[in-house]
Amino acid sequence: MPQGSSQAGRPVPDGSVPRRPGPPPDAPPPRPHRVAVIVDASTNPFEVGVATELFGLPRPELGLDRPLYELTLCGPTPEVRMNHGFFTLAGVPGLDAVDDADTLIVPGRPDNVVPRGADVWEAIRRTHARGARVMSFCTGTFALAEAGLLDGRRATTHWRWADSFRALHPRVLLEPDVLFVDEGDVLTAAGSAAALDLGLYVVRRDHGAEIANAVSRRLVFAAHRDGGQRQFVERPLPDVPDESLGPLLAWARERLGDPLTVADLAARASVSPATLHRRFRAQLGTTPLAWLTGERVALACRLIERGEERLDVVARHSGLGTAANLRERLRRETGLSPSAYRRRFGGAAGEALMA
């Protein structure tokens, strides 16, 4: 945090961030955001695990006085045989559990060309109709399309099933080569690993970059991959160990406020810019410039959450240069202006992580 931070224009001598006043002592604590996950026959266990890990576990490391989310599984039958019969879930609540959910998640299953039951469609429709957020993981997109939520809208699903999806749902604007798609009230993830990307994106949207970074650290997973990145890459692992981008990324993250360029990154890696570009595409599915810009925006978000109100300071320390560029990049990334982002994410959650 830069020295001389201020709150409401007042300098703070020791550079610390003043705490904002909390709610009145007698005010009831806000309830956690409720997440329901539909499980039916042959649901993929991994994606249920992703939802549980992201939205169902307590997070004492955040130092908060309440959980961020409350998760429940629900399904059309009280016993659900999971994909390939690996195990059976018992005591699953009925689909009426979706009626209390703020977010509904529909994981994928391998037999997605076989339509889900009408009771599942109805549960998805009524959840969406009352304004709750609906998400799908992997081929769960098929269920959202069957329920009629995706006609005329953008969506994605696993690349292996793209042709089948188009044949069954030609009115959906399928984007088969991205990690996830955010249509506001309906979000779709491409595959099982992309479910983690979408889930962390949602945590970030709900609670800010600090909370999302803390969750990603616990997962030992990348804090942020843009949804527009490619689903799969030509070389998931480098051919030789010293081609790994890990050391270069760590070096760059410590210098985001410096005037780093792609040429600087290439020089640090002792390769040409063209070779660096190929490695970023192969290992991360993005370009060096897009990665650098995304990291700088994420740092700017953290600075705003920590209480820095001077946009020129945020822009300078994050490497975004000017307040005008910061406004443009933040709005493009989050859909919010800096002031709106501060109002939404600059409260007690970010302060708790700094305590």
Protein backbone atom coordinates (compact mmCIF):
# COMPACT_ATOMS: atom_id res chain seq x y z
CA MET A 1 0.00 0.00 0.00
CA PRO A 2 1.58 3.36 -0.92
CA GLN A 3 2.52 5.69 1.91
CA GLY A 4 0.33 8.68 2.55
CA SER A 5 -2.94 6.95 1.68
CA SER A 6 -5.96 9.01 2.49
CA GLN A 7 -9.55 8.43 3.44
CA ALA A 8 -12.05 11.06 2.33
CA GLY A 9 -9.11 13.28 1.36
CA ARG A 10 -7.43 13.17 4.81
CA PRO A 11 -3.78 12.01 4.93
CA VAL A 12 -2.95 9.08 7.18
CA PRO A 13 0.46 9.63 8.83
CA ASP A 14 1.53 5.99 9.06
CA GLY A 15 0.22 5.00 5.63
CA SER A 16 -2.39 2.61 7.07
CA VAL A 17 -5.94 2.38 5.80
CA PRO A 18 -8.59 3.74 8.19
CA ARG A 19 -11.42 1.36 8.89
CA ARG A 20 -14.84 2.36 7.68
CA PRO A 21 -17.68 2.47 10.14
CA GLY A 22 -19.56 -0.81 10.29
CA PRO A 23 -23.31 -1.41 10.58
CA PRO A 24 -25.12 -0.41 13.77
CA PRO A 25 -24.47 -2.86 16.65
CA ASP A 26 -28.07 -4.04 16.71
CA ALA A 27 -28.31 -4.59 12.95
CA PRO A 28 -28.80 -8.26 11.99
CA PRO A 29 -25.89 -9.65 9.99
CA PRO A 30 -26.61 -10.04 6.28
CA ARG A 31 -27.29 -13.64 5.33
CA PRO A 32 -24.77 -15.44 3.15
CA HIS A 33 -25.36 -15.72 -0.57
CA ARG A 34 -27.21 -19.00 -1.11
CA VAL A 35 -25.96 -21.36 -3.82
CA ALA A 36 -27.85 -24.46 -4.98
CA VAL A 37 -26.28 -27.17 -7.15
CA ILE A 38 -28.51 -29.51 -9.16
CA VAL A 39 -27.29 -33.11 -9.18
CA ASP A 40 -29.09 -35.72 -11.26
CA ALA A 41 -28.17 -39.06 -12.78
CA SER A 42 -24.56 -39.23 -14.09
CA THR A 43 -23.54 -35.76 -12.88
CA ASN A 44 -19.76 -35.30 -13.01
CA PRO A 45 -18.29 -35.47 -9.48
CA PHE A 46 -15.44 -33.08 -10.25
CA GLU A 47 -17.75 -30.19 -11.05
CA VAL A 48 -19.80 -30.80 -7.91
CA GLY A 49 -16.48 -30.72 -6.06
CA VAL A 50 -15.59 -27.41 -7.70
CA ALA A 51 -18.86 -25.88 -6.52
CA THR A 52 -18.32 -27.27 -3.03
CA GLU A 53 -14.74 -26.01 -2.83
CA LEU A 54 -15.62 -22.52 -4.02
CA PHE A 55 -18.99 -21.93 -2.40
CA GLY A 56 -19.44 -24.53 0.34
CA LEU A 57 -16.37 -24.41 2.58
CA PRO A 58 -15.81 -22.15 5.59
CA ARG A 59 -12.95 -19.70 5.16
CA PRO A 60 -11.62 -18.75 8.58
CA GLU A 61 -8.48 -17.36 6.95
CA LEU A 62 -10.53 -14.41 5.70
CA GLY A 63 -11.23 -13.24 9.24
CA LEU A 64 -14.88 -12.52 8.47
CA ASP A 65 -17.72 -12.87 10.96
CA ARG A 66 -19.94 -14.80 8.54
CA PRO A 67 -19.52 -17.18 5.60
CA LEU A 68 -19.53 -15.73 2.12
CA TYR A 69 -21.81 -18.43 0.73
CA GLU A 70 -24.20 -21.15 1.83
CA LEU A 71 -24.33 -24.20 -0.43
CA THR A 72 -26.84 -26.99 -0.83
CA LEU A 73 -27.14 -29.86 -3.28
CA CYS A 74 -30.54 -30.70 -4.68
CA GLY A 75 -31.96 -33.09 -7.24
CA PRO A 76 -35.03 -34.82 -8.65
CA THR A 77 -34.43 -37.93 -6.52
CA PRO A 78 -33.06 -38.41 -2.98
CA GLU A 79 -30.40 -40.79 -4.28
CA VAL A 80 -28.21 -39.83 -7.24
CA ARG A 81 -25.82 -42.20 -8.98
CA MET A 82 -22.89 -40.12 -10.15
CA ASN A 83 -20.98 -40.41 -13.42
CA HIS A 84 -19.82 -44.00 -14.17
CA GLY A 85 -21.30 -45.13 -10.86
CA PHE A 86 -18.24 -44.01 -8.90
CA PHE A 87 -20.51 -43.38 -5.93
CA THR A 88 -24.10 -42.58 -5.03
CA LEU A 89 -25.24 -39.51 -3.14
CA ALA A 90 -27.94 -40.18 -0.57
CA GLY A 91 -30.24 -37.82 1.26
CA VAL A 92 -30.24 -35.25 -1.56
CA PRO A 93 -32.84 -32.50 -0.95
CA GLY A 94 -35.56 -32.04 -3.55
CA LEU A 95 -35.55 -29.50 -6.35
CA ASP A 96 -37.67 -27.10 -4.31
CA ALA A 97 -34.37 -26.13 -2.65
CA VAL A 98 -33.71 -23.93 -5.69
CA ASP A 99 -36.48 -21.59 -4.53
CA ASP A 100 -34.22 -20.16 -1.80
CA ALA A 101 -31.10 -19.88 -3.98
CA ASP A 102 -29.47 -16.65 -5.08
CA THR A 103 -27.32 -18.63 -7.53
CA LEU A 104 -28.10 -21.95 -9.20
CA ILE A 105 -25.30 -24.12 -10.63
CA VAL A 106 -25.91 -26.91 -13.13
CA PRO A 107 -22.85 -29.19 -13.54
CA GLY A 108 -22.26 -31.28 -16.65
CA ARG A 109 -22.66 -34.96 -17.35
CA PRO A 110 -21.38 -37.16 -20.21
CA ASP A 111 -24.79 -38.17 -21.57
CA ASN A 112 -25.76 -34.59 -22.33
CA VAL A 113 -27.43 -35.39 -25.67
CA VAL A 114 -30.13 -37.14 -23.61
CA PRO A 115 -32.37 -34.33 -22.34
CA ARG A 116 -32.76 -33.78 -18.63
CA GLY A 117 -36.11 -34.35 -17.04
CA ALA A 118 -38.90 -31.80 -17.22
CA ASP A 119 -38.66 -31.28 -13.43
CA VAL A 120 -35.04 -30.14 -13.82
CA TRP A 121 -35.98 -27.76 -16.65
CA GLU A 122 -38.79 -26.32 -14.57
CA ALA A 123 -36.49 -25.78 -11.58
CA ILE A 124 -33.99 -23.93 -13.80
CA ARG A 125 -36.72 -21.81 -15.42
CA ARG A 126 -38.37 -20.69 -12.22
CA THR A 127 -35.05 -19.91 -10.58
CA HIS A 128 -34.11 -17.68 -13.50
CA ALA A 129 -37.59 -16.15 -13.73
CA ARG A 130 -37.44 -14.78 -10.19
CA GLY A 131 -34.11 -13.06 -10.89
CA ALA A 132 -31.56 -15.47 -9.44
CA ARG A 133 -28.22 -16.03 -11.17
CA VAL A 134 -27.88 -19.27 -13.12
CA MET A 135 -24.54 -20.88 -13.99
CA SER A 136 -23.50 -24.02 -15.84
CA PHE A 137 -20.26 -25.96 -15.66
CA CYS A 138 -19.01 -27.79 -18.77
CA THR A 139 -21.90 -29.56 -20.53
CA GLY A 140 -24.40 -28.23 -18.02
CA THR A 141 -24.91 -25.64 -20.76
CA PHE A 142 -27.10 -28.23 -22.51
CA ALA A 143 -29.55 -28.14 -19.60
CA LEU A 144 -29.71 -24.34 -19.65
CA ALA A 145 -30.42 -24.43 -23.38
CA GLU A 146 -33.08 -27.13 -22.93
CA ALA A 147 -34.75 -24.89 -20.34
CA GLY A 148 -34.86 -22.04 -22.89
CA LEU A 149 -32.49 -19.68 -21.08
CA LEU A 150 -29.96 -19.33 -23.90
CA ASP A 151 -31.92 -18.61 -27.07
CA GLY A 152 -30.36 -15.58 -28.77
CA ARG A 153 -27.67 -15.33 -26.11
CA ARG A 154 -23.96 -16.12 -26.01
CA ALA A 155 -22.81 -19.28 -24.25
CA THR A 156 -20.00 -21.80 -24.26
CA THR A 157 -19.54 -25.49 -23.54
CA HIS A 158 -16.80 -28.09 -23.76
CA TRP A 159 -15.13 -27.99 -27.20
CA ARG A 160 -15.68 -31.73 -27.66
CA TRP A 161 -19.45 -31.26 -27.62
CA ALA A 162 -19.66 -28.05 -29.64
CA ASP A 163 -21.00 -29.67 -32.81
CA SER A 164 -23.62 -31.64 -30.89
CA PHE A 165 -24.68 -28.51 -29.07
CA ARG A 166 -25.06 -26.50 -32.27
CA ALA A 167 -27.14 -29.25 -33.85
CA LEU A 168 -29.49 -29.42 -30.87
CA HIS A 169 -29.64 -25.70 -30.06
CA PRO A 170 -29.07 -23.63 -33.21
CA ARG A 171 -30.59 -20.49 -31.69
CA VAL A 172 -27.85 -20.21 -29.08
CA LEU A 173 -24.83 -18.05 -29.99
CA LEU A 174 -22.21 -20.63 -29.10
CA GLU A 175 -18.63 -19.48 -28.49
CA PRO A 176 -16.75 -22.78 -28.44
CA ASP A 177 -13.23 -21.45 -28.00
CA VAL A 178 -13.42 -19.47 -24.74
CA LEU A 179 -13.16 -20.44 -21.07
CA PHE A 180 -16.46 -18.92 -19.95
CA VAL A 181 -19.15 -16.47 -20.97
CA ASP A 182 -20.84 -13.93 -18.71
CA GLU A 183 -24.27 -12.83 -19.89
CA GLY A 184 -25.11 -11.13 -16.61
CA ASP A 185 -27.79 -13.35 -15.13
CA VAL A 186 -26.64 -16.48 -16.99
CA LEU A 187 -23.01 -17.66 -17.02
CA THR A 188 -21.54 -20.71 -18.73
CA ALA A 189 -18.15 -22.40 -18.31
CA ALA A 190 -16.47 -24.45 -21.03
CA GLY A 191 -15.05 -27.41 -19.13
CA SER A 192 -14.27 -28.84 -15.72
CA ALA A 193 -11.14 -26.74 -15.14
CA ALA A 194 -12.87 -23.70 -16.64
CA ALA A 195 -15.50 -24.14 -13.90
CA LEU A 196 -12.79 -23.05 -11.46
CA ASP A 197 -12.07 -20.00 -13.61
CA LEU A 198 -15.74 -19.07 -13.74
CA GLY A 199 -16.24 -19.73 -10.03
CA LEU A 200 -13.31 -17.49 -9.05
CA TYR A 201 -14.58 -14.85 -11.48
CA VAL A 202 -17.95 -14.93 -9.71
CA VAL A 203 -16.31 -14.70 -6.26
CA ARG A 204 -14.37 -11.71 -7.54
CA ARG A 205 -17.55 -10.14 -8.93
CA ASP A 206 -19.39 -10.74 -5.67
CA HIS A 207 -16.68 -9.85 -3.15
CA GLY A 208 -13.78 -8.18 -4.92
CA ALA A 209 -10.24 -9.05 -5.93
CA GLU A 210 -8.84 -9.45 -2.40
CA ILE A 211 -11.33 -12.15 -1.46
CA ALA A 212 -10.96 -13.92 -4.82
CA ASN A 213 -7.17 -13.89 -4.48
CA ALA A 214 -7.41 -15.40 -1.00
CA VAL A 215 -9.69 -18.16 -2.28
CA SER A 216 -7.38 -18.87 -5.22
CA ARG A 217 -4.37 -19.09 -2.89
CA ARG A 218 -6.17 -21.73 -0.85
CA LEU A 219 -6.93 -23.60 -4.08
CA VAL A 220 -3.34 -23.11 -5.32
CA PHE A 221 -4.92 -21.99 -8.57
CA ALA A 222 -4.48 -18.99 -10.85
CA ALA A 223 -6.39 -16.07 -9.39
CA HIS A 224 -7.61 -14.75 -12.70
CA ARG A 225 -7.80 -16.06 -16.25
CA ASP A 226 -9.86 -13.97 -18.59
CA GLY A 227 -12.95 -15.71 -19.92
CA GLY A 228 -11.97 -14.96 -23.49
CA GLN A 229 -8.88 -17.13 -23.34
CA ARG A 230 -8.83 -20.30 -25.41
CA GLN A 231 -10.23 -23.51 -23.93
CA PHE A 232 -7.20 -25.60 -24.81
CA VAL A 233 -3.68 -24.93 -25.98
CA GLU A 234 -1.41 -26.74 -28.37
CA ARG A 235 1.25 -27.43 -25.74
CA PRO A 236 -0.27 -27.63 -22.24
CA LEU A 237 3.22 -28.27 -20.79
CA PRO A 238 6.51 -26.89 -22.06
CA ASP A 239 8.80 -29.29 -23.89
CA VAL A 240 11.76 -28.37 -21.70
CA PRO A 241 11.69 -27.17 -18.09
CA ASP A 242 13.43 -23.84 -18.68
CA GLU A 243 10.68 -22.74 -21.09
CA SER A 244 8.20 -22.48 -18.22
CA LEU A 245 6.79 -18.98 -17.86
CA GLY A 246 6.46 -19.27 -14.07
CA PRO A 247 9.66 -17.41 -13.10
CA LEU A 248 9.01 -14.67 -15.65
CA LEU A 249 5.44 -14.15 -14.43
CA ALA A 250 6.58 -13.94 -10.82
CA TRP A 251 9.26 -11.40 -11.77
CA ALA A 252 6.77 -9.28 -13.71
CA ARG A 253 4.16 -9.32 -10.93
CA GLU A 254 6.69 -7.69 -8.59
CA ARG A 255 7.25 -4.86 -11.10
CA LEU A 256 3.76 -4.03 -12.40
CA GLY A 257 4.21 -0.38 -11.48
CA ASP A 258 7.30 -0.13 -13.67
CA PRO A 259 6.97 0.75 -17.37
CA LEU A 260 7.24 -2.89 -18.43
CA THR A 261 6.73 -3.72 -22.09
CA VAL A 262 6.51 -6.97 -24.00
CA ALA A 263 10.07 -6.30 -25.15
CA ASP A 264 11.16 -6.08 -21.50
CA LEU A 265 9.51 -9.42 -20.77
CA ALA A 266 11.18 -10.99 -23.78
CA ALA A 267 14.58 -9.63 -22.75
CA ARG A 268 14.12 -10.99 -19.23
CA ALA A 269 13.29 -14.42 -20.68
CA SER A 270 16.23 -14.14 -23.13
CA VAL A 271 14.01 -14.78 -26.14
CA SER A 272 12.64 -12.73 -29.00
CA PRO A 273 9.22 -11.06 -28.64
CA ALA A 274 7.87 -13.47 -31.27
CA THR A 275 9.08 -16.50 -29.29
CA LEU A 276 7.64 -15.05 -26.08
CA HIS A 277 4.30 -14.53 -27.82
CA ARG A 278 4.28 -18.18 -28.94
CA ARG A 279 5.06 -19.38 -25.42
CA PHE A 280 2.28 -17.28 -23.89
CA ARG A 281 -0.16 -18.62 -26.46
CA ALA A 282 0.96 -22.19 -25.88
CA GLN A 283 1.11 -22.13 -22.07
CA LEU A 284 -1.48 -19.51 -21.07
CA GLY A 285 -3.73 -19.18 -24.11
CA THR A 286 -3.28 -15.41 -24.20
CA THR A 287 -0.79 -12.76 -25.32
CA PRO A 288 1.94 -11.15 -23.19
CA LEU A 289 0.29 -7.74 -23.45
CA ALA A 290 -3.16 -9.06 -22.49
CA TRP A 291 -1.67 -10.91 -19.51
CA LEU A 292 0.25 -7.83 -18.36
CA THR A 293 -2.82 -5.59 -18.67
CA GLY A 294 -4.98 -8.09 -16.74
CA GLU A 295 -2.46 -8.26 -13.91
CA ARG A 296 -2.30 -4.48 -13.71
CA VAL A 297 -6.07 -4.15 -13.56
CA ALA A 298 -6.20 -6.79 -10.81
CA LEU A 299 -3.59 -4.83 -8.82
CA ALA A 300 -5.57 -1.61 -9.32
CA CYS A 301 -8.67 -3.36 -7.97
CA ARG A 302 -6.76 -4.46 -4.87
CA LEU A 303 -5.47 -0.94 -4.24
CA ILE A 304 -8.98 0.50 -4.50
CA GLU A 305 -10.34 -2.17 -2.16
CA ARG A 306 -7.62 -1.33 0.36
CA GLY A 307 -8.81 2.26 0.55
CA GLU A 308 -6.72 4.24 -1.93
CA GLU A 309 -9.01 6.91 -3.37
CA ARG A 310 -6.58 8.87 -5.52
CA LEU A 311 -6.95 7.48 -9.02
CA ASP A 312 -3.64 8.89 -10.19
CA VAL A 313 -1.91 6.99 -7.37
CA VAL A 314 -3.73 3.76 -8.22
CA ALA A 315 -2.91 4.18 -11.90
CA ARG A 316 0.75 4.88 -11.20
CA HIS A 317 1.31 2.02 -8.75
CA SER A 318 -0.54 -0.50 -10.95
CA GLY A 319 1.31 0.51 -14.10
CA LEU A 320 -1.82 1.73 -15.88
CA GLY A 321 -0.31 5.19 -16.24
CA THR A 322 -3.18 7.65 -16.09
CA ALA A 323 -6.48 7.95 -14.30
CA ALA A 324 -8.24 8.00 -17.69
CA ASN A 325 -6.65 4.70 -18.71
CA LEU A 326 -7.50 3.24 -15.29
CA ARG A 327 -11.16 4.20 -15.70
CA GLU A 328 -11.31 2.68 -19.18
CA ARG A 329 -9.57 -0.57 -18.22
CA LEU A 330 -11.53 -1.03 -15.00
CA ARG A 331 -14.85 -0.47 -16.71
CA ARG A 332 -13.89 -2.90 -19.47
CA GLU A 333 -12.81 -5.56 -16.96
CA THR A 334 -15.47 -5.19 -14.24
CA GLY A 335 -18.24 -3.13 -15.83
CA LEU A 336 -17.84 -0.57 -13.04
CA SER A 337 -16.33 2.88 -12.70
CA PRO A 338 -13.64 3.27 -10.00
CA SER A 339 -16.10 5.01 -7.67
CA ALA A 340 -18.73 2.29 -8.20
CA TYR A 341 -16.09 -0.39 -7.66
CA ARG A 342 -15.02 1.29 -4.39
CA ARG A 343 -18.60 1.48 -3.14
CA ARG A 344 -19.16 -2.20 -3.93
CA PHE A 345 -15.89 -3.75 -2.78
CA GLY A 346 -14.18 -1.22 -0.55
CA GLY A 347 -15.76 -2.33 2.71
CA ALA A 348 -15.00 -4.61 5.60
CA ALA A 349 -14.15 -7.67 3.51
CA GLY A 350 -11.05 -6.10 2.04
CA GLU A 351 -10.06 -4.65 5.40
CA ALA A 352 -10.33 -8.02 7.11
CA LEU A 353 -7.67 -9.43 4.78
CA MET A 354 -5.32 -6.60 5.69
CA ALA A 355 -5.69 -7.03 9.46
